Amino acid sequence: MKEEEEKKNMKTKPHFWRWAVASVIFRLVLIYFPKNLNLATRPEVSTPVTSLRRLAEGYWLTQSSMSPYAGSMYHGSPLLLSVLGPLTMKKIEGQPYHLLCSLVSVIADFISAMLIRATGLKLRMAYCERLKSLGLGKLFEISEILPSEDIAALVYLWNPLTIVTCVGFNTTPVENLFIILSLYGACIRVAPLAAFGWVVASHLSLYPTILIIPVILLLGNGPDATPRKLFLMYKKDEADNSSKGRVVNGLSEQKNFSWRPVGLFFVWVFIWTLYSLVLCGIFMRNYGGISEMFNRTYGFILTVKDLSPNIGVLWYFFAEVFEFFRDFFLIVFHVNILFMILPLAIRLKHRPCFLAFVYMAICSMLKPYPSVGDSALYLALLALFFNELAEMQFSFFLFCGFVGVSLLSPVMHNLWIWRGTGNANFYFATGMAYACFQIILVVESVSAMLNHDRKIRKLVGTT
């Protein structure tokens, strides 16, 4: 059996690397034609928070001895400004000015795909071990047609949403890299790496802060597994079996939540947070200090000051709502995300990586400045569970819906902004449809995952 598995892996690896290298070459070709593609100005791709054109403006202001936040153009991190800012000014002879920043996005995408692949391998091995400990090894062999980690990595590399984000001259690929880095570090239980990824991701875009719960569950319990009570059922049914010792060991591993890596994680979170704040304070010492940074970055996100159209729904809502009710609805929309954190964590605590996917999808629906890059990330994480979600309903409907919205959104924006034959409702309708498809995706994927756990429970009860 081991030799057959090794042969299968040897067959799939060359195919994977061919497609991975081809995706990188495809991106390198596309970055030479940014003006023809005109993706940097698309509201679905670049937002006021992630636009590299705004970052270049902020860097130019610092070169002119002015605050990068003057004029309300740049609203990103000072650290990102100091790292990527010089790249927006440097030019390679005979090449476009944006080439270096685009190369950073290509590298970030490739590293993210490799981290997704490594995380998926850990998940697959843990899933295999847990099924075998329950006496359901055959179920794994039947369901495992292709390695899920390769599928997820290729989904991320070849997803059109990922490609347009990479070529669209924005910082979303870098933000996605640190989100995946935090999940990977937690999956392998390396607390400093998980803390570094989580702190940087939260510093850059705020909303990855809620991923602290999946990260803690990964550090304490390890990768996604079947519910703990299944081991209790199997122990009761097979009390006199020779495999009793093995199951009891598996049960004890499930019961013991490891607090040591969690404690180390919080220590390193404090260290990395303090370090980043010190660096930000040094950068902002002549521009109003850290308080100015918080006001122009996180304050800008939470108060939804920029109502330029995007793929979300908040811009239209706050453009129409009366100013008297604005603060109330700001609280409602932001607290709505917080209300979902605890119930989902209780129900999906045995699947922290899948919980991270659900959290990211919810944030993509409700954040003020979403982009298609957010969807590209959580769709890649969803592909890690294609075996568990094999019986998910409305898959073809959702696929057609995402494709339809992706095609209609630029058309409606063109009719409204450039041709003048439409109005804001045209473009807002595509945003509403996009949000609805994301809601259906989350509901159906969670239902399919819970049904998969129930199926395992029934199989354990009949063995």
Protein backbone atom coordinates (compact mmCIF):
# COMPACT_ATOMS: atom_id res chain seq x y z
CA MET A 1 0.00 0.00 0.00
CA LYS A 2 2.78 2.43 0.84
CA GLU A 3 4.52 1.77 -2.47
CA GLU A 4 1.29 2.46 -4.36
CA GLU A 5 0.78 5.73 -2.49
CA GLU A 6 4.36 6.78 -3.25
CA LYS A 7 3.83 6.02 -6.94
CA LYS A 8 0.65 8.13 -6.95
CA ASN A 9 2.47 11.00 -5.27
CA MET A 10 5.31 10.78 -7.80
CA LYS A 11 2.79 10.97 -10.62
CA THR A 12 0.96 13.98 -9.23
CA LYS A 13 4.02 16.04 -8.20
CA PRO A 14 5.40 16.67 -11.72
CA HIS A 15 1.94 17.71 -12.93
CA PHE A 16 1.55 20.05 -9.97
CA TRP A 17 4.88 21.78 -10.52
CA ARG A 18 4.22 22.18 -14.23
CA TRP A 19 0.94 23.95 -13.54
CA ALA A 20 2.49 26.00 -10.71
CA VAL A 21 5.37 27.21 -12.88
CA ALA A 22 2.94 27.91 -15.74
CA SER A 23 0.84 30.11 -13.45
CA VAL A 24 3.93 32.15 -12.52
CA ILE A 25 4.90 32.55 -16.19
CA PHE A 26 1.34 33.58 -17.02
CA ARG A 27 1.47 36.30 -14.36
CA LEU A 28 4.85 37.53 -15.59
CA VAL A 29 3.42 37.89 -19.08
CA LEU A 30 0.37 39.78 -17.84
CA ILE A 31 2.31 42.33 -15.78
CA TYR A 32 3.79 43.73 -18.99
CA PHE A 33 0.33 44.81 -20.18
CA PRO A 34 -1.20 46.70 -17.21
CA LYS A 35 -2.37 49.70 -19.20
CA ASN A 36 -4.22 47.54 -21.68
CA LEU A 37 -5.84 45.51 -18.90
CA ASN A 38 -6.57 48.63 -16.80
CA LEU A 39 -7.04 46.54 -13.65
CA ALA A 40 -5.43 49.02 -11.25
CA THR A 41 -8.47 51.30 -11.54
CA ARG A 42 -11.09 48.58 -11.17
CA PRO A 43 -13.07 48.97 -7.89
CA GLU A 44 -13.45 45.19 -7.70
CA VAL A 45 -9.66 44.75 -7.60
CA SER A 46 -8.21 47.80 -5.82
CA THR A 47 -9.80 49.50 -2.83
CA PRO A 48 -8.92 52.75 -1.01
CA VAL A 49 -7.06 50.62 1.56
CA THR A 50 -5.15 48.28 -0.78
CA SER A 51 -4.42 50.42 -3.85
CA LEU A 52 -0.72 50.69 -4.69
CA ARG A 53 -1.43 53.87 -6.64
CA ARG A 54 -2.52 55.48 -3.37
CA LEU A 55 0.54 53.99 -1.68
CA ALA A 56 2.75 55.61 -4.32
CA GLU A 57 1.02 58.93 -3.62
CA GLY A 58 1.64 58.52 0.12
CA TYR A 59 5.30 57.75 -0.48
CA TRP A 60 5.64 60.81 -2.70
CA LEU A 61 4.21 62.92 0.13
CA THR A 62 6.81 61.56 2.57
CA GLN A 63 9.55 62.37 0.06
CA SER A 64 8.20 65.92 0.05
CA SER A 65 8.43 66.07 3.89
CA MET A 66 4.66 65.80 4.28
CA SER A 67 2.51 63.30 6.15
CA PRO A 68 1.64 60.25 4.02
CA TYR A 69 -1.95 60.65 5.21
CA ALA A 70 -2.26 64.25 4.03
CA GLY A 71 -4.97 64.72 1.44
CA SER A 72 -6.84 61.55 2.43
CA MET A 73 -5.25 59.43 -0.31
CA TYR A 74 -3.28 56.77 1.57
CA HIS A 75 -4.84 54.75 4.39
CA GLY A 76 -2.48 51.80 4.75
CA SER A 77 0.27 50.87 7.17
CA PRO A 78 3.40 53.02 7.49
CA LEU A 79 5.46 49.82 7.50
CA LEU A 80 4.00 48.78 4.15
CA LEU A 81 4.70 52.29 2.88
CA SER A 82 8.36 52.09 3.87
CA VAL A 83 8.81 48.63 2.29
CA LEU A 84 6.86 48.97 -0.97
CA GLY A 85 7.07 52.75 -1.36
CA PRO A 86 10.62 52.82 -2.78
CA LEU A 87 9.62 50.15 -5.33
CA THR A 88 6.96 52.45 -6.78
CA MET A 89 9.62 55.06 -7.61
CA LYS A 90 12.35 52.83 -9.01
CA LYS A 91 12.33 52.13 -12.71
CA ILE A 92 14.12 49.45 -14.68
CA GLU A 93 15.49 50.64 -17.99
CA GLY A 94 12.98 50.03 -20.74
CA GLN A 95 10.44 48.49 -18.36
CA PRO A 96 7.21 49.85 -16.82
CA TYR A 97 7.49 51.67 -13.50
CA HIS A 98 5.19 49.25 -11.71
CA LEU A 99 7.24 46.14 -12.56
CA LEU A 100 8.98 45.70 -9.20
CA CYS A 101 5.74 45.93 -7.21
CA SER A 102 4.09 43.46 -9.57
CA LEU A 103 6.99 41.05 -9.10
CA VAL A 104 6.45 41.27 -5.32
CA SER A 105 2.81 40.29 -5.88
CA VAL A 106 3.83 37.32 -8.05
CA ILE A 107 6.28 36.10 -5.41
CA ALA A 108 3.69 36.57 -2.66
CA ASP A 109 1.12 34.54 -4.62
CA PHE A 110 3.56 31.68 -5.21
CA ILE A 111 4.66 31.55 -1.56
CA SER A 112 1.01 31.66 -0.46
CA ALA A 113 0.21 28.70 -2.71
CA MET A 114 3.11 26.71 -1.26
CA LEU A 115 1.96 27.49 2.29
CA ILE A 116 -1.58 26.43 1.39
CA ARG A 117 -0.15 23.19 0.00
CA ALA A 118 1.89 22.54 3.15
CA THR A 119 -1.12 23.30 5.37
CA GLY A 120 -3.29 21.01 3.27
CA LEU A 121 -0.79 18.18 3.63
CA LYS A 122 -0.96 18.51 7.42
CA LEU A 123 -4.75 18.50 7.30
CA ARG A 124 -4.87 15.46 5.04
CA MET A 125 -2.50 13.46 7.22
CA ALA A 126 -4.45 14.34 10.36
CA TYR A 127 -7.73 13.42 8.64
CA CYS A 128 -6.29 10.07 7.55
CA GLU A 129 -4.98 9.25 11.03
CA ARG A 130 -8.25 10.09 12.75
CA LEU A 131 -10.31 7.97 10.35
CA LYS A 132 -7.93 5.04 10.78
CA SER A 133 -8.13 5.37 14.57
CA LEU A 134 -11.91 5.11 14.22
CA GLY A 135 -11.61 2.01 12.05
CA LEU A 136 -12.70 3.90 8.92
CA GLY A 137 -9.49 3.76 6.92
CA LYS A 138 -11.34 2.50 3.85
CA LEU A 139 -13.48 5.65 3.81
CA PHE A 140 -10.34 7.73 3.43
CA GLU A 141 -9.02 5.54 0.61
CA ILE A 142 -12.31 5.80 -1.29
CA SER A 143 -12.74 9.55 -0.86
CA GLU A 144 -9.12 10.52 -1.49
CA ILE A 145 -9.01 10.64 -5.28
CA LEU A 146 -6.51 13.50 -5.62
CA PRO A 147 -4.32 15.16 -2.99
CA SER A 148 -6.35 18.02 -1.60
CA GLU A 149 -3.30 20.19 -0.91
CA ASP A 150 -2.32 20.21 -4.59
CA ILE A 151 -5.88 21.01 -5.63
CA ALA A 152 -6.09 23.94 -3.18
CA ALA A 153 -2.71 25.37 -4.24
CA LEU A 154 -3.63 25.20 -7.92
CA VAL A 155 -7.05 26.70 -7.23
CA TYR A 156 -5.29 29.66 -5.63
CA LEU A 157 -2.71 30.01 -8.41
CA TRP A 158 -5.15 29.66 -11.33
CA ASN A 159 -8.22 31.34 -9.88
CA PRO A 160 -8.99 34.30 -12.18
CA LEU A 161 -9.76 36.38 -9.09
CA THR A 162 -6.24 35.72 -7.77
CA ILE A 163 -4.66 36.53 -11.11
CA VAL A 164 -6.44 39.87 -11.58
CA THR A 165 -5.59 40.75 -7.98
CA CYS A 166 -1.92 39.98 -8.60
CA VAL A 167 -1.83 42.04 -11.81
CA GLY A 168 -4.11 44.77 -10.41
CA PHE A 169 -1.36 46.75 -8.63
CA ASN A 170 -2.57 46.39 -5.03
CA THR A 171 -1.36 45.05 -1.68
CA THR A 172 -3.93 42.25 -1.28
CA PRO A 173 -1.46 39.46 -2.26
CA VAL A 174 0.86 40.56 0.55
CA GLU A 175 -2.00 40.64 3.07
CA ASN A 176 -3.16 37.19 1.97
CA LEU A 177 0.38 35.88 2.39
CA PHE A 178 0.52 36.83 6.06
CA ILE A 179 -2.94 35.41 6.73
CA ILE A 180 -1.90 32.05 5.29
CA LEU A 181 1.43 32.28 7.14
CA SER A 182 -0.39 32.58 10.47
CA LEU A 183 -2.58 29.54 9.71
CA TYR A 184 0.42 27.51 8.56
CA GLY A 185 2.44 28.45 11.65
CA ALA A 186 -0.47 27.44 13.88
CA CYS A 187 -0.99 24.19 11.95
CA ILE A 188 2.61 23.11 12.55
CA ARG A 189 2.42 24.52 16.10
CA VAL A 190 5.23 27.07 15.73
CA ALA A 191 3.98 29.87 17.97
CA PRO A 192 6.44 32.64 16.87
CA LEU A 193 5.58 32.11 13.19
CA ALA A 194 1.83 32.02 13.85
CA ALA A 195 2.05 35.15 16.00
CA PHE A 196 4.12 36.99 13.39
CA GLY A 197 1.67 36.21 10.59
CA TRP A 198 -1.36 37.10 12.69
CA VAL A 199 0.08 40.39 13.98
CA VAL A 200 1.20 41.58 10.54
CA ALA A 201 -2.06 40.52 8.86
CA SER A 202 -4.12 42.28 11.53
CA HIS A 203 -1.90 45.34 11.31
CA LEU A 204 -2.33 45.58 7.55
CA SER A 205 -6.09 45.07 7.22
CA LEU A 206 -7.66 44.84 10.74
CA TYR A 207 -10.23 42.13 9.97
CA PRO A 208 -7.82 39.14 10.25
CA THR A 209 -7.91 39.90 13.99
CA ILE A 210 -10.84 37.49 14.40
CA LEU A 211 -8.65 34.66 13.11
CA ILE A 212 -7.10 34.50 16.57
CA ILE A 213 -9.71 31.89 17.54
CA PRO A 214 -8.85 29.40 14.74
CA VAL A 215 -5.15 30.00 15.41
CA ILE A 216 -5.58 29.22 19.12
CA LEU A 217 -7.58 26.08 18.33
CA LEU A 218 -4.92 24.93 15.88
CA LEU A 219 -2.15 25.51 18.41
CA GLY A 220 -4.05 23.76 21.18
CA ASN A 221 -5.72 20.86 19.37
CA GLY A 222 -3.79 20.52 16.13
CA PRO A 223 -5.24 20.34 12.60
CA ASP A 224 -8.90 19.71 11.78
CA ALA A 225 -10.24 16.38 13.03
CA THR A 226 -13.45 14.50 13.62
CA PRO A 227 -15.47 15.45 16.74
CA ARG A 228 -14.13 14.19 20.06
CA LYS A 229 -17.30 12.33 21.03
CA LEU A 230 -16.80 9.93 18.13
CA PHE A 231 -13.80 8.51 19.94
CA LEU A 232 -15.97 8.02 23.02
CA MET A 233 -18.52 6.12 20.93
CA TYR A 234 -15.84 3.96 19.37
CA LYS A 235 -14.25 3.25 22.74
CA LYS A 236 -17.60 2.14 24.13
CA ASP A 237 -18.42 -0.10 21.15
CA GLU A 238 -14.96 -1.66 20.94
CA ALA A 239 -14.18 -1.97 24.64
CA ASP A 240 -13.04 -5.58 24.33
CA ASN A 241 -11.21 -5.16 21.02
CA SER A 242 -7.48 -5.40 20.55
CA SER A 243 -7.50 -1.87 19.17
CA LYS A 244 -8.70 -0.45 22.45
CA GLY A 245 -5.30 0.89 23.43
CA ARG A 246 -4.88 2.75 20.20
CA VAL A 247 -8.29 4.41 20.50
CA VAL A 248 -7.72 5.40 24.10
CA ASN A 249 -4.43 7.03 23.08
CA GLY A 250 -6.25 8.89 20.32
CA LEU A 251 -8.91 9.94 22.80
CA SER A 252 -6.37 11.20 25.29
CA GLU A 253 -4.76 13.25 22.53
CA GLN A 254 -8.15 14.74 21.78
CA LYS A 255 -8.89 15.53 25.42
CA ASN A 256 -5.65 17.29 26.26
CA PHE A 257 -5.73 20.87 25.03
CA SER A 258 -2.12 21.99 24.89
CA TRP A 259 -1.89 25.36 26.63
CA ARG A 260 1.88 25.73 26.28
CA PRO A 261 1.94 26.74 22.58
CA VAL A 262 -1.07 29.00 23.19
CA GLY A 263 0.79 30.76 25.99
CA LEU A 264 3.87 31.12 23.80
CA PHE A 265 1.64 32.49 21.05
CA PHE A 266 0.36 35.32 23.27
CA VAL A 267 3.89 36.11 24.43
CA TRP A 268 5.07 36.40 20.84
CA VAL A 269 1.94 38.39 19.90
CA PHE A 270 2.93 40.92 22.57
CA ILE A 271 6.52 41.00 21.30
CA TRP A 272 5.61 41.40 17.60
CA THR A 273 2.89 43.96 18.37
CA LEU A 274 5.25 46.03 20.49
CA TYR A 275 7.93 45.82 17.82
CA SER A 276 5.55 46.92 15.05
CA LEU A 277 4.20 49.80 17.13
CA VAL A 278 7.73 50.99 17.88
CA LEU A 279 8.56 50.95 14.17
CA CYS A 280 5.34 52.79 13.34
CA GLY A 281 6.08 55.33 16.07
CA ILE A 282 9.54 55.97 14.64
CA PHE A 283 8.11 56.44 11.15
CA MET A 284 5.28 58.72 12.34
CA ARG A 285 7.25 60.79 14.85
CA ASN A 286 7.16 63.83 12.54
CA TYR A 287 3.65 63.24 11.19
CA GLY A 288 1.37 63.24 14.24
CA GLY A 289 2.45 60.05 16.01
CA ILE A 290 0.74 56.68 16.33
CA SER A 291 -2.63 58.25 17.15
CA GLU A 292 -2.68 59.84 13.70
CA MET A 293 -1.88 56.45 12.16
CA PHE A 294 -4.74 54.74 14.01
CA ASN A 295 -7.15 57.48 13.01
CA ARG A 296 -6.19 57.40 9.32
CA THR A 297 -6.02 53.60 8.99
CA TYR A 298 -8.33 51.72 11.37
CA GLY A 299 -10.53 54.77 11.93
CA PHE A 300 -10.92 55.15 8.17
CA ILE A 301 -11.99 51.49 7.86
CA LEU A 302 -14.41 51.47 10.80
CA THR A 303 -16.12 54.77 10.00
CA VAL A 304 -16.50 54.06 6.24
CA LYS A 305 -15.50 57.56 5.21
CA ASP A 306 -14.82 56.73 1.56
CA LEU A 307 -18.08 55.92 -0.26
CA SER A 308 -16.56 55.23 -3.67
CA PRO A 309 -18.21 52.21 -5.34
CA ASN A 310 -16.81 48.74 -4.69
CA ILE A 311 -17.90 45.12 -4.85
CA GLY A 312 -19.44 45.35 -1.36
CA VAL A 313 -22.77 46.74 -0.20
CA LEU A 314 -21.89 49.24 2.56
CA TRP A 315 -20.91 52.08 0.20
CA TYR A 316 -24.43 52.27 -1.26
CA PHE A 317 -26.14 51.87 2.10
CA PHE A 318 -24.22 54.67 3.80
CA ALA A 319 -24.62 56.91 0.76
CA GLU A 320 -28.40 56.64 1.17
CA VAL A 321 -28.80 56.52 4.96
CA PHE A 322 -29.57 59.70 6.91
CA GLU A 323 -26.58 61.15 8.75
CA PHE A 324 -28.48 60.95 12.04
CA PHE A 325 -28.58 57.12 11.80
CA ARG A 326 -25.07 56.66 10.45
CA ASP A 327 -23.37 55.83 13.76
CA PHE A 328 -26.11 53.38 14.70
CA PHE A 329 -25.77 51.38 11.48
CA LEU A 330 -21.99 51.48 11.69
CA ILE A 331 -22.26 49.71 15.04
CA VAL A 332 -24.83 47.25 13.66
CA PHE A 333 -22.71 46.18 10.70
CA HIS A 334 -19.47 45.80 12.67
CA VAL A 335 -21.04 44.08 15.67
CA ASN A 336 -22.81 41.69 13.29
CA ILE A 337 -19.41 40.13 12.55
CA LEU A 338 -18.64 39.78 16.27
CA PHE A 339 -21.98 38.12 16.99
CA MET A 340 -21.12 35.26 14.63
CA ILE A 341 -17.70 34.50 16.09
CA LEU A 342 -18.65 32.59 19.26
CA PRO A 343 -21.48 30.37 17.91
CA LEU A 344 -19.40 29.29 14.94
CA ALA A 345 -16.37 28.64 17.15
CA ILE A 346 -18.45 26.42 19.46
CA ARG A 347 -19.94 24.41 16.60
CA LEU A 348 -16.76 24.10 14.51
CA LYS A 349 -14.11 23.98 17.23
CA HIS A 350 -12.90 20.59 15.95
CA ARG A 351 -12.22 22.11 12.49
CA PRO A 352 -10.25 25.33 13.05
CA CYS A 353 -9.02 25.66 9.42
CA PHE A 354 -12.56 25.35 8.13
CA LEU A 355 -13.61 27.85 10.80
CA ALA A 356 -10.98 30.26 9.43
CA PHE A 357 -12.54 29.90 5.97
CA VAL A 358 -15.99 30.76 7.37
CA TYR A 359 -14.65 33.79 9.25
CA MET A 360 -12.88 35.12 6.15
CA ALA A 361 -15.97 34.65 3.99
CA ILE A 362 -18.12 36.53 6.51
CA CYS A 363 -15.61 39.39 6.71
CA SER A 364 -15.51 39.56 2.91
CA MET A 365 -19.28 40.06 2.90
CA LEU A 366 -19.49 42.69 5.64
CA LYS A 367 -16.21 44.63 5.47
CA PRO A 368 -16.50 48.19 4.07
CA TYR A 369 -13.83 47.83 1.37
CA PRO A 370 -13.84 44.26 0.02
CA SER A 371 -12.10 43.08 -3.13
CA VAL A 372 -12.05 39.93 -5.21
CA GLY A 373 -8.71 39.08 -3.62
CA ASP A 374 -10.55 38.30 -0.38
CA SER A 375 -12.71 35.75 -2.19
CA ALA A 376 -9.66 34.24 -3.90
CA LEU A 377 -8.14 33.45 -0.51
CA TYR A 378 -11.12 31.79 1.14
CA LEU A 379 -11.99 29.83 -2.03
CA ALA A 380 -8.50 28.31 -1.92
CA LEU A 381 -8.99 27.33 1.72
CA LEU A 382 -12.37 25.84 0.82
CA ALA A 383 -10.64 23.61 -1.74
CA LEU A 384 -8.69 21.98 1.11
CA PHE A 385 -11.94 20.28 2.12
CA PHE A 386 -13.17 19.11 -1.26
CA ASN A 387 -13.34 15.50 0.02
CA GLU A 388 -15.47 16.42 3.02
CA LEU A 389 -17.64 18.74 0.91
CA ALA A 390 -18.17 16.28 -1.96
CA GLU A 391 -21.92 16.18 -1.27
CA MET A 392 -22.33 19.96 -1.03
CA GLN A 393 -25.49 21.22 -2.73
CA PHE A 394 -25.82 24.04 -5.29
CA SER A 395 -22.14 23.79 -6.30
CA PHE A 396 -22.83 24.35 -10.01
CA PHE A 397 -25.28 27.15 -9.22
CA LEU A 398 -22.67 28.91 -7.07
CA PHE A 399 -19.99 28.47 -9.74
CA CYS A 400 -22.24 30.02 -12.37
CA GLY A 401 -23.20 32.78 -9.96
CA PHE A 402 -19.59 33.80 -9.24
CA VAL A 403 -18.77 33.72 -12.95
CA GLY A 404 -21.85 35.76 -13.80
CA VAL A 405 -21.15 38.42 -11.17
CA SER A 406 -17.49 38.63 -12.26
CA LEU A 407 -18.59 39.32 -15.84
CA LEU A 408 -21.53 41.61 -15.09
CA SER A 409 -19.82 43.84 -12.53
CA PRO A 410 -17.45 45.59 -15.02
CA VAL A 411 -20.31 45.94 -17.50
CA MET A 412 -22.65 47.59 -14.99
CA HIS A 413 -19.85 49.87 -13.76
CA ASN A 414 -19.14 50.94 -17.33
CA LEU A 415 -22.81 51.64 -18.03
CA TRP A 416 -23.08 53.78 -14.91
CA ILE A 417 -19.77 55.67 -14.72
CA TRP A 418 -18.57 55.97 -18.31
CA ARG A 419 -21.54 55.66 -20.67
CA GLY A 420 -24.12 57.32 -18.42
CA THR A 421 -26.89 54.98 -19.58
CA GLY A 422 -27.33 53.40 -16.12
CA ASN A 423 -27.30 54.44 -12.49
CA ALA A 424 -25.86 53.31 -9.16
CA ASN A 425 -28.55 50.63 -8.80
CA PHE A 426 -27.08 48.78 -11.78
CA TYR A 427 -23.72 48.32 -10.10
CA PHE A 428 -25.16 47.85 -6.61
CA ALA A 429 -27.28 44.96 -7.92
CA THR A 430 -24.13 43.02 -8.80
CA GLY A 431 -22.76 43.71 -5.31
CA MET A 432 -25.97 42.42 -3.75
CA ALA A 433 -25.86 39.30 -5.92
CA TYR A 434 -22.21 38.77 -4.98
CA ALA A 435 -23.05 39.00 -1.27
CA CYS A 436 -25.99 36.59 -1.68
CA PHE A 437 -23.82 34.00 -3.43
CA GLN A 438 -21.27 34.26 -0.63
CA ILE A 439 -24.00 33.72 1.97
CA ILE A 440 -25.24 30.63 0.12
CA LEU A 441 -21.66 29.35 -0.14
CA VAL A 442 -21.06 29.69 3.60
CA VAL A 443 -24.40 28.14 4.58
CA GLU A 444 -24.11 25.19 2.21
CA SER A 445 -20.45 24.49 3.01
CA VAL A 446 -21.09 24.51 6.76
CA SER A 447 -24.12 22.25 6.29
CA ALA A 448 -22.10 19.86 4.12
CA MET A 449 -19.29 19.71 6.69
CA LEU A 450 -21.71 18.97 9.52
CA ASN A 451 -23.42 16.31 7.40
CA HIS A 452 -20.02 14.74 6.77
CA ASP A 453 -19.42 14.55 10.52
CA ARG A 454 -22.85 12.99 11.01
CA LYS A 455 -22.04 10.42 8.33
CA ILE A 456 -18.87 9.45 10.19
CA ARG A 457 -20.84 9.24 13.41
CA LYS A 458 -23.29 6.80 11.82
CA LEU A 459 -20.46 4.69 10.41
CA VAL A 460 -18.81 4.57 13.83
CA GLY A 461 -22.10 3.48 15.39
CA THR A 462 -22.51 0.62 12.91
CA THR A 463 -18.95 -0.74 13.19
